Protein backbone atom coordinates (compact mmCIF):
# COMPACT_ATOMS: atom_id res chain seq x y z
CA MET A 1 -36.23 16.88 -6.27
CA ARG A 2 -33.05 18.90 -6.73
CA GLU A 3 -30.15 17.03 -8.32
CA LEU A 4 -28.04 17.51 -5.19
CA ASP A 5 -30.77 15.97 -3.04
CA ARG A 6 -30.70 12.78 -5.08
CA MET A 7 -29.13 9.82 -3.33
CA ARG A 8 -26.37 8.40 -5.49
CA PRO A 9 -25.02 4.85 -5.61
CA PRO A 10 -21.35 4.53 -4.58
CA ASP A 11 -20.16 3.73 -8.12
CA GLU A 12 -21.70 6.95 -9.45
CA ALA A 13 -20.13 8.93 -6.61
CA ARG A 14 -16.73 7.40 -7.38
CA ALA A 15 -17.07 8.39 -11.03
CA ILE A 16 -17.86 11.98 -10.03
CA ILE A 17 -14.81 12.13 -7.77
CA ASP A 18 -12.59 10.59 -10.45
CA ARG A 19 -13.44 13.39 -12.87
CA THR A 20 -12.11 16.00 -10.44
CA ILE A 21 -8.77 14.36 -9.63
CA ARG A 22 -5.56 16.08 -10.70
CA LYS A 23 -2.33 14.11 -10.71
CA LEU A 24 0.28 15.46 -8.31
CA PRO A 25 3.59 16.76 -9.70
CA PRO A 26 6.79 14.69 -9.43
CA GLU A 27 9.80 15.37 -7.24
CA MET A 28 13.21 13.81 -6.72
CA VAL A 29 13.93 12.18 -3.36
CA ARG A 30 16.82 10.23 -1.93
CA LEU A 31 16.30 6.50 -1.91
CA ASP A 32 16.51 6.34 1.88
CA GLU A 33 13.48 8.67 1.98
CA ALA A 34 11.49 6.92 -0.76
CA ALA A 35 9.77 4.15 1.23
CA TRP A 36 6.03 3.90 0.40
CA ARG A 37 6.26 6.70 -2.16
CA VAL A 38 4.86 6.22 -5.67
CA LEU A 39 7.28 6.14 -8.62
CA ALA A 40 6.58 8.94 -11.08
CA ALA A 41 8.79 7.57 -13.88
CA ASP A 42 9.87 4.15 -15.13
CA LEU A 43 13.16 2.80 -13.79
CA VAL A 44 15.00 1.26 -16.75
CA ALA A 45 18.18 -0.74 -16.11
CA LEU A 46 21.34 1.16 -17.00
CA GLU A 47 23.51 -1.94 -16.63
CA ASP A 48 23.38 -5.72 -16.45
CA HIS A 49 22.82 -7.31 -13.06
CA PRO A 50 24.81 -9.05 -11.86
CA PRO A 51 27.49 -7.08 -13.71
CA PHE A 52 29.84 -10.08 -13.51
CA ALA A 53 29.52 -13.86 -13.33
CA ALA A 54 29.13 -14.59 -9.61
CA SER A 55 29.38 -17.67 -7.45
CA THR A 56 26.19 -18.80 -5.74
CA MET A 57 28.05 -20.92 -3.16
CA ASP A 58 31.20 -21.08 -1.06
CA GLY A 59 33.54 -23.53 -2.78
CA TYR A 60 36.18 -23.77 -5.50
CA ALA A 61 36.14 -22.23 -8.95
CA VAL A 62 37.20 -24.83 -11.51
CA PHE A 63 37.47 -25.59 -15.21
CA ALA A 64 34.62 -28.09 -15.63
CA ASP A 65 36.34 -30.26 -18.27
CA ASP A 66 39.38 -30.85 -16.03
CA SER A 67 39.04 -34.52 -15.05
CA SER A 68 41.75 -34.55 -12.38
CA PRO A 69 40.39 -34.73 -8.81
CA TRP A 70 43.52 -32.95 -7.45
CA ARG A 71 43.74 -29.16 -7.92
CA GLU A 72 46.35 -26.73 -6.68
CA VAL A 73 44.80 -23.75 -4.86
CA ILE A 74 46.31 -20.57 -6.36
CA GLY A 75 44.29 -17.95 -4.52
CA GLU A 76 41.12 -16.95 -2.73
CA GLN A 77 38.36 -14.83 -4.26
CA ASN A 78 36.16 -12.87 -1.85
CA ALA A 79 33.19 -10.67 -2.69
CA GLY A 80 34.47 -7.21 -3.52
CA ASN A 81 38.13 -8.28 -3.78
CA VAL A 82 39.15 -9.34 -7.30
CA ILE A 83 42.44 -11.25 -7.57
CA ASP A 84 44.58 -11.59 -10.68
CA ALA A 85 44.38 -15.34 -11.19
CA GLU A 86 43.41 -17.62 -14.06
CA VAL A 87 42.04 -21.12 -13.58
CA THR A 88 43.43 -23.78 -15.92
CA ASP A 89 43.76 -27.58 -15.80
CA GLY A 90 45.04 -28.68 -12.40
CA TYR A 91 44.39 -25.35 -10.65
CA THR A 92 41.53 -23.83 -8.66
CA VAL A 93 40.63 -20.71 -6.69
CA ARG A 94 38.84 -20.73 -3.35
CA ILE A 95 35.69 -18.62 -3.84
CA MET A 96 32.99 -17.15 -1.61
CA THR A 97 29.28 -16.67 -2.30
CA GLY A 98 28.70 -13.57 -4.42
CA ALA A 99 32.32 -13.22 -5.48
CA PRO A 100 33.29 -12.81 -9.16
CA VAL A 101 34.26 -16.03 -10.92
CA PRO A 102 37.96 -15.80 -11.90
CA ARG A 103 39.19 -16.02 -15.47
CA GLY A 104 39.22 -19.52 -16.92
CA ALA A 105 36.73 -20.97 -14.44
CA ASP A 106 33.30 -22.01 -15.67
CA ALA A 107 31.91 -23.86 -12.63
CA VAL A 108 31.99 -23.81 -8.84
CA VAL A 109 32.23 -26.97 -6.75
CA PRO A 110 30.60 -26.58 -3.30
CA VAL A 111 33.05 -26.72 -0.40
CA GLU A 112 31.21 -29.70 1.09
CA ALA A 113 32.12 -31.72 -2.04
CA THR A 114 35.84 -31.11 -1.50
CA GLU A 115 38.66 -32.02 0.86
CA LEU A 116 41.53 -29.59 1.52
CA ALA A 117 45.06 -31.01 1.86
CA GLU A 118 47.74 -28.32 2.41
CA ASP A 119 47.88 -26.32 -0.83
CA HIS A 120 45.78 -28.80 -2.78
CA VAL A 121 42.11 -29.66 -2.80
CA VAL A 122 40.52 -32.97 -3.71
CA ILE A 123 37.31 -32.72 -5.74
CA HIS A 124 34.92 -35.50 -4.75
CA GLN A 125 32.13 -34.42 -7.11
CA GLU A 126 31.99 -36.27 -10.41
CA ASP A 127 30.68 -34.86 -13.67
CA VAL A 128 31.04 -31.15 -12.92
CA GLN A 129 28.87 -29.28 -15.44
CA PRO A 130 29.84 -25.95 -17.01
CA GLY A 131 27.87 -23.12 -15.39
CA ALA A 132 27.25 -25.03 -12.16
CA ASN A 133 26.64 -22.72 -9.19
CA ILE A 134 27.32 -19.58 -11.22
CA ARG A 135 25.00 -16.64 -11.84
CA PRO A 136 25.75 -15.38 -15.37
CA ILE A 137 26.11 -11.70 -16.22
CA GLY A 138 22.65 -10.14 -16.57
CA SER A 139 20.83 -13.23 -15.29
CA ASP A 140 18.70 -11.08 -12.95
CA VAL A 141 18.25 -7.94 -15.06
CA ARG A 142 19.51 -6.99 -18.51
CA LYS A 143 20.54 -3.47 -19.47
CA GLY A 144 17.46 -1.78 -20.93
CA ASP A 145 14.98 -3.95 -19.02
CA LEU A 146 12.08 -2.23 -17.25
CA VAL A 147 13.01 -2.63 -13.58
CA LEU A 148 10.04 -0.87 -11.96
CA PRO A 149 7.22 0.86 -13.86
CA ALA A 150 5.84 4.28 -12.98
CA GLY A 151 3.05 3.95 -10.46
CA THR A 152 4.84 1.33 -8.37
CA ILE A 153 4.57 1.82 -4.62
CA LEU A 154 8.06 1.52 -3.19
CA GLY A 155 7.93 -1.12 -0.50
CA PRO A 156 11.02 -2.79 1.02
CA ALA A 157 11.65 -5.10 -1.95
CA GLU A 158 11.19 -2.30 -4.50
CA VAL A 159 13.51 0.07 -2.61
CA GLY A 160 16.09 -2.72 -2.37
CA LEU A 161 15.86 -3.45 -6.11
CA ALA A 162 16.24 0.24 -6.95
CA ALA A 163 19.34 0.40 -4.75
CA ASN A 164 20.70 -2.79 -6.32
CA MET A 165 20.37 -1.25 -9.76
CA GLY A 166 22.03 2.02 -8.74
CA PHE A 167 19.05 4.39 -8.75
CA ASN A 168 19.50 7.21 -6.25
CA PRO A 169 17.71 9.62 -6.13
CA VAL A 170 14.41 8.51 -7.65
CA MET A 171 11.50 10.47 -9.08
CA VAL A 172 8.27 10.05 -7.11
CA SER A 173 4.91 11.79 -6.93
CA ARG A 174 4.61 14.53 -4.37
CA ARG A 175 2.82 13.48 -1.20
CA PRO A 176 -0.80 14.66 -1.04
CA ARG A 177 -1.18 17.52 1.45
CA VAL A 178 -4.22 16.76 3.57
CA SER A 179 -5.92 18.58 6.43
CA VAL A 180 -8.24 16.86 8.88
CA LEU A 181 -10.77 18.75 10.99
CA SER A 182 -13.18 17.31 13.53
CA THR A 183 -16.16 19.53 14.27
CA GLY A 184 -18.28 19.80 17.37
CA ASP A 185 -18.10 21.56 20.74
CA GLU A 186 -18.79 18.18 22.35
CA LEU A 187 -15.39 16.81 21.32
CA VAL A 188 -12.63 16.33 23.87
CA GLU A 189 -8.99 15.47 23.22
CA PRO A 190 -7.91 11.94 24.23
CA GLY A 191 -6.39 12.04 27.68
CA GLU A 192 -8.69 14.82 28.87
CA PRO A 193 -11.57 14.11 31.28
CA LEU A 194 -15.09 14.03 29.86
CA GLY A 195 -17.66 16.60 30.90
CA PRO A 196 -21.44 16.26 30.64
CA GLY A 197 -22.50 15.45 27.07
CA GLN A 198 -18.92 15.21 25.80
CA ILE A 199 -17.19 12.50 23.77
CA ARG A 200 -13.57 11.95 22.80
CA ASP A 201 -12.37 12.88 19.34
CA SER A 202 -11.48 9.50 17.83
CA ASN A 203 -12.24 10.21 14.17
CA ARG A 204 -9.36 12.61 13.63
CA PHE A 205 -6.85 10.13 15.02
CA SER A 206 -8.26 7.23 12.99
CA LEU A 207 -8.24 9.29 9.80
CA CYS A 208 -4.70 10.58 10.37
CA ALA A 209 -3.49 7.01 10.91
CA ALA A 210 -5.17 5.97 7.65
CA LEU A 211 -3.60 8.93 5.82
CA GLN A 212 -0.15 8.15 7.17
CA ALA A 213 -0.52 4.57 5.93
CA GLU A 214 -1.06 6.01 2.43
CA GLY A 215 2.05 8.19 2.60
CA CYS A 216 0.23 11.52 2.90
CA GLU A 217 1.58 14.74 4.38
CA ILE A 218 -0.80 15.81 7.13
CA ALA A 219 -0.75 19.58 6.78
CA PHE A 220 -3.15 20.19 9.67
CA SER A 221 -4.98 18.09 12.23
CA GLY A 222 -7.24 19.73 14.78
CA GLN A 223 -10.68 20.43 16.15
CA GLY A 224 -13.04 23.18 15.12
CA PRO A 225 -15.88 24.70 17.16
CA ASP A 226 -19.52 24.73 16.09
CA ASN A 227 -19.10 28.36 15.04
CA ARG A 228 -19.80 29.06 11.41
CA ASP A 229 -17.55 32.08 10.87
CA GLU A 230 -14.51 30.48 12.49
CA LEU A 231 -15.12 27.20 10.72
CA GLU A 232 -15.47 28.84 7.30
CA ALA A 233 -12.29 30.87 7.86
CA PHE A 234 -10.40 27.68 8.66
CA LEU A 235 -11.74 25.90 5.59
CA ARG A 236 -10.76 28.83 3.38
CA ARG A 237 -7.18 28.75 4.64
CA ARG A 238 -6.87 25.03 4.12
CA MET A 239 -8.50 24.99 0.67
CA ALA A 240 -5.99 27.59 -0.50
CA THR A 241 -2.96 25.41 0.28
CA ASP A 242 -3.99 21.75 0.53
CA ASP A 243 -4.83 19.06 -2.00
CA VAL A 244 -7.52 17.45 0.16
CA VAL A 245 -9.55 18.77 3.10
CA ILE A 246 -11.36 16.21 5.26
CA THR A 247 -13.95 17.18 7.83
CA SER A 248 -15.65 14.82 10.23
CA GLY A 249 -19.14 15.67 11.45
CA GLY A 250 -21.45 18.53 10.57
CA VAL A 251 -22.87 17.09 7.33
CA SER A 252 -26.23 15.62 8.35
CA MET A 253 -29.66 17.29 8.44
CA GLY A 254 -29.51 19.14 11.78
CA ASP A 255 -29.46 22.91 12.28
CA LEU A 256 -25.90 22.80 13.65
CA ASP A 257 -24.49 20.79 10.75
CA LEU A 258 -22.34 23.69 9.63
CA ILE A 259 -20.05 22.01 7.12
CA LYS A 260 -23.00 21.35 4.85
CA ALA A 261 -24.23 24.94 5.20
CA ILE A 262 -20.81 26.43 4.44
CA LEU A 263 -20.29 24.26 1.37
CA PHE A 264 -23.75 24.97 -0.04
CA ASP A 265 -23.76 28.73 0.55
CA ALA A 266 -20.32 29.60 -0.83
CA PRO A 267 -20.52 30.66 -4.51
CA ASP A 268 -16.97 29.50 -5.28
CA ILE A 269 -17.43 25.99 -3.87
CA ASP A 270 -18.91 23.33 -6.15
CA VAL A 271 -20.87 20.68 -4.24
CA HIS A 272 -21.06 17.51 -6.33
CA PHE A 273 -23.14 15.28 -4.06
CA ARG A 274 -24.26 15.05 -0.45
CA ARG A 275 -26.14 11.78 0.01
CA LEU A 276 -25.39 8.20 -0.97
CA TYR A 277 -27.10 4.83 -1.16
CA LEU A 278 -24.54 3.62 1.34
CA LYS A 279 -24.57 2.15 4.82
CA PRO A 280 -22.78 3.39 6.84
CA GLY A 281 -21.89 6.74 5.28
CA LYS A 282 -25.14 8.03 3.78
CA PRO A 283 -24.52 11.77 4.52
CA LEU A 284 -21.17 12.04 2.69
CA ASN A 285 -20.54 15.46 1.13
CA PHE A 286 -18.07 15.99 -1.70
CA ALA A 287 -17.12 19.40 -3.05
CA THR A 288 -14.30 21.16 -4.87
CA CYS A 289 -12.86 24.65 -4.56
CA GLY A 290 -10.11 25.49 -7.00
CA ASN A 291 -7.75 22.51 -6.94
CA ALA A 292 -8.81 21.35 -3.47
CA LEU A 293 -11.02 18.31 -2.94
CA ILE A 294 -13.29 18.53 0.10
CA PHE A 295 -14.76 15.47 1.79
CA GLY A 296 -17.35 16.09 4.49
CA LEU A 297 -17.49 12.78 6.34
CA PRO A 298 -20.19 11.69 8.78
CA GLY A 299 -19.38 12.04 12.46
CA ASN A 300 -19.96 8.42 13.45
CA PRO A 301 -16.57 6.68 13.84
CA VAL A 302 -17.32 3.66 11.65
CA SER A 303 -18.99 5.79 8.96
CA SER A 304 -15.89 7.96 8.88
CA LEU A 305 -13.51 5.05 8.33
CA VAL A 306 -15.74 3.24 5.84
CA THR A 307 -16.15 6.33 3.65
CA PHE A 308 -12.38 6.87 3.83
CA GLU A 309 -11.78 3.33 2.54
CA VAL A 310 -14.42 3.46 -0.18
CA PHE A 311 -13.76 6.97 -1.51
CA ILE A 312 -10.74 8.81 -0.10
CA ARG A 313 -8.09 6.10 -0.20
CA PRO A 314 -8.56 5.39 -3.94
CA THR A 315 -8.68 9.14 -4.60
CA LEU A 316 -5.30 9.66 -2.91
CA ARG A 317 -3.79 6.78 -4.86
CA GLN A 318 -5.03 8.17 -8.15
CA MET A 319 -3.59 11.58 -7.27
CA MET A 320 -0.20 9.93 -6.75
CA GLY A 321 -0.48 7.92 -9.96
CA ALA A 322 -0.38 4.53 -8.24
CA ARG A 323 -0.93 1.48 -10.44
CA GLU A 324 -2.95 -0.30 -7.75
CA ILE A 325 -5.91 1.90 -6.84
CA ASP A 326 -8.50 -0.35 -5.22
CA ARG A 327 -8.23 -3.03 -2.61
CA PRO A 328 -8.91 -6.61 -3.78
CA ARG A 329 -12.58 -7.69 -3.66
CA PRO A 330 -12.64 -11.49 -3.92
CA PRO A 331 -15.88 -13.49 -3.57
CA VAL A 332 -16.36 -15.04 -0.13
CA ILE A 333 -18.82 -17.56 1.28
CA LEU A 334 -20.91 -16.34 4.22
CA GLU A 335 -20.65 -18.52 7.33
CA HIS A 336 -23.91 -17.25 8.82
CA GLU A 337 -27.03 -15.32 7.89
CA VAL A 338 -26.46 -11.61 7.23
CA GLN A 339 -29.21 -9.01 7.24
CA ALA A 340 -29.52 -6.86 4.13
CA SER A 341 -30.53 -3.20 3.81
CA ASP A 342 -32.18 -0.97 1.23
CA ARG A 343 -28.69 0.44 0.58
CA ILE A 344 -25.40 -1.19 -0.27
CA GLU A 345 -23.79 -1.97 3.06
CA TYR A 346 -20.17 -2.39 4.08
CA GLN A 347 -20.08 -4.64 7.13
CA ARG A 348 -16.96 -5.12 9.20
CA GLY A 349 -15.91 -8.71 8.66
CA ILE A 350 -13.39 -11.47 9.16
CA VAL A 351 -12.29 -13.47 6.12
CA SER A 352 -10.43 -16.74 6.57
CA VAL A 353 -9.47 -19.82 4.56
CA ASN A 354 -11.46 -22.96 5.39
CA ASP A 355 -10.24 -26.55 5.29
CA GLU A 356 -11.17 -26.78 1.61
CA GLY A 357 -9.04 -23.75 0.74
CA ARG A 358 -12.05 -21.48 0.11
CA LEU A 359 -12.49 -17.95 1.43
CA VAL A 360 -15.23 -17.78 4.04
CA ALA A 361 -16.47 -14.75 5.96
CA ARG A 362 -18.41 -13.68 9.01
CA ASN A 363 -19.21 -10.19 10.21
CA SER A 364 -17.88 -8.82 13.49
CA GLY A 365 -21.23 -8.70 15.25
CA LYS A 366 -23.43 -5.67 15.78
CA GLN A 367 -22.90 -3.22 12.94
CA GLN A 368 -23.97 0.11 14.43
CA SER A 369 -21.93 2.96 12.96
CA SER A 370 -20.95 4.17 16.43
CA ARG A 371 -19.25 0.87 17.41
CA LEU A 372 -15.63 1.50 16.46
CA ALA A 373 -14.58 -1.57 18.47
CA SER A 374 -16.32 -3.71 15.83
CA PHE A 375 -13.55 -2.67 13.39
CA VAL A 376 -10.74 -3.97 15.61
CA GLY A 377 -9.50 -7.43 14.62
CA THR A 378 -11.24 -7.41 11.24
CA ASN A 379 -9.53 -7.79 7.89
CA ALA A 380 -12.31 -6.94 5.44
CA LEU A 381 -15.43 -4.97 4.67
CA LEU A 382 -18.15 -7.34 3.47
CA VAL A 383 -20.00 -5.73 0.56
CA ILE A 384 -23.69 -6.57 1.07
CA PRO A 385 -25.87 -5.56 -1.93
CA PRO A 386 -29.36 -4.21 -1.12
CA ARG A 387 -32.33 -6.58 -1.09
CA GLU A 388 -35.37 -7.31 1.05
CA SER A 389 -34.43 -10.77 2.32
CA PRO A 390 -31.35 -11.69 4.38
CA TYR A 391 -28.32 -13.39 2.85
CA ALA A 392 -28.22 -17.00 3.99
CA ALA A 393 -25.19 -18.92 5.16
CA GLY A 394 -23.47 -20.36 2.09
CA GLU A 395 -24.32 -17.43 -0.20
CA SER A 396 -21.50 -15.50 -1.84
CA VAL A 397 -20.73 -11.79 -1.52
CA ARG A 398 -17.65 -9.67 -2.23
CA ALA A 399 -15.17 -8.68 0.48
CA MET A 400 -13.02 -5.55 0.32
CA MET A 401 -9.81 -6.93 1.79
CA LEU A 402 -8.10 -4.63 4.29
CA ALA A 403 -5.48 -7.28 5.10
CA ALA A 404 -4.65 -10.87 4.16
CA PRO A 405 -7.16 -13.65 4.94
CA PHE A 406 -6.66 -15.38 8.25
CA ALA A 407 -5.65 -19.04 8.38
CA ARG A 408 -7.85 -21.37 10.36
CA PRO A 409 -6.23 -22.49 13.65
C-alpha cells in the first residue's frame, strides 16, 4: 500500500497539518476595528489604573477621624471635573461615583447614610473607616502589569480593557485570507429553482459562516464546474494569493472527483494525506503549494462542517497565534445507547447539566452525513471512539463543545 493510501487517525493528521503552519505577520489596527482579532504582542500597562483615588459611590468625601456628625459642604466633585478643595475636620465635599477623591479626604460616606440641611450635611454613619468606598490608585492595574498577553482573542471585555488602559491602535495578527470553492455541475445557488438531479449549494455558505466566526478574510467564495482545466486554473490563482484554499466535493473515489486528481498530478503540490479513520469525513485531502494550505473537504454537508471543526478551525487559530486553539472536550455521561463504528466518530449532540450538576449528553438522532438539519440546535460533537459494541447509557465519552451546556428546564 502506498503511504498516501494509508488511512490516518485524526491525531496523526493534525500533527501533519501542524508542521506546515506558518504564523501570519502582525499589523496595527484601530481599536474600533480590533474586535475578535488576535493580539500579536503583549499589552503592558503604561500607567496605574485607576490613575487617581476614586469614589465607588455617590455620597460625601470625609476625613474618617472627624467625629463630628455635622459637616459643612464646601463643593461638589463630579467625574471628570476636579475642584480645588481640601477636606478637613468639619468639612465635606459632595462626590459622585467615579469622581476623584479630593485632597484631605480618606473615606466616602454613602448619600443614603446622610441628611442634607442647607449648606450642612449630617452624617448618620458611625465608625467611618479610612479607605471606605474608595478605589485606590492602581487597585485595578499597576504600571508594568501584563494587561493582555499576545494570543488573546479580543472580545468585548478585552477591547474595553485595552481602551481603558489607553491602547489605540493595537498590534494584531493579520486575518487569514481564505477562498472557498464548491465543486459540481449539480449545484444550484440558494434562491434558484432546482432542475432534475440538482441540489442547492449549502456547504459554501456554512463554511463561510464558520470562517467569519473565526475572523477570517474571505478572499473568494464561489462555485466551480466539473471541468478539470477550469478548476485547476482557479486553484492556481487562489494558491498564489491566499493562505488557505478550501474546496468542498470532488475528493472521493469517483471518476469525476477532480480535486483529488488535480492535487495528485501537479508536481508542485505536496499531498500529505487523503483518507482518515474518521466518521464523517473519511475522504479528507490535505495538501500544500508554496505557503498555501489546501483542504479538500468531502461534499456531504455534515462531513464538511465536522472536518472544518476538527482540522481547519484549529489551523486558522494557530496561524493567528491564538492562545486557545482547541474547543473544550469535557467528559460527558451518555443518556442513551450510542452505536460505535470502526472509525472514530463525531456525532452531533446535545450536552446539558442534570439535576446532580453533571454533564450529560444525547445525540441528535440519525447521524447520516447528508442530514445537515441534525446539526441545528446542537451544542457539541460527541467523540465516539471505535469499538465493536455500542456504548451503553451511563458510559462516559468526550464532547467537543461548540457552545455552552444547556440547563435543564
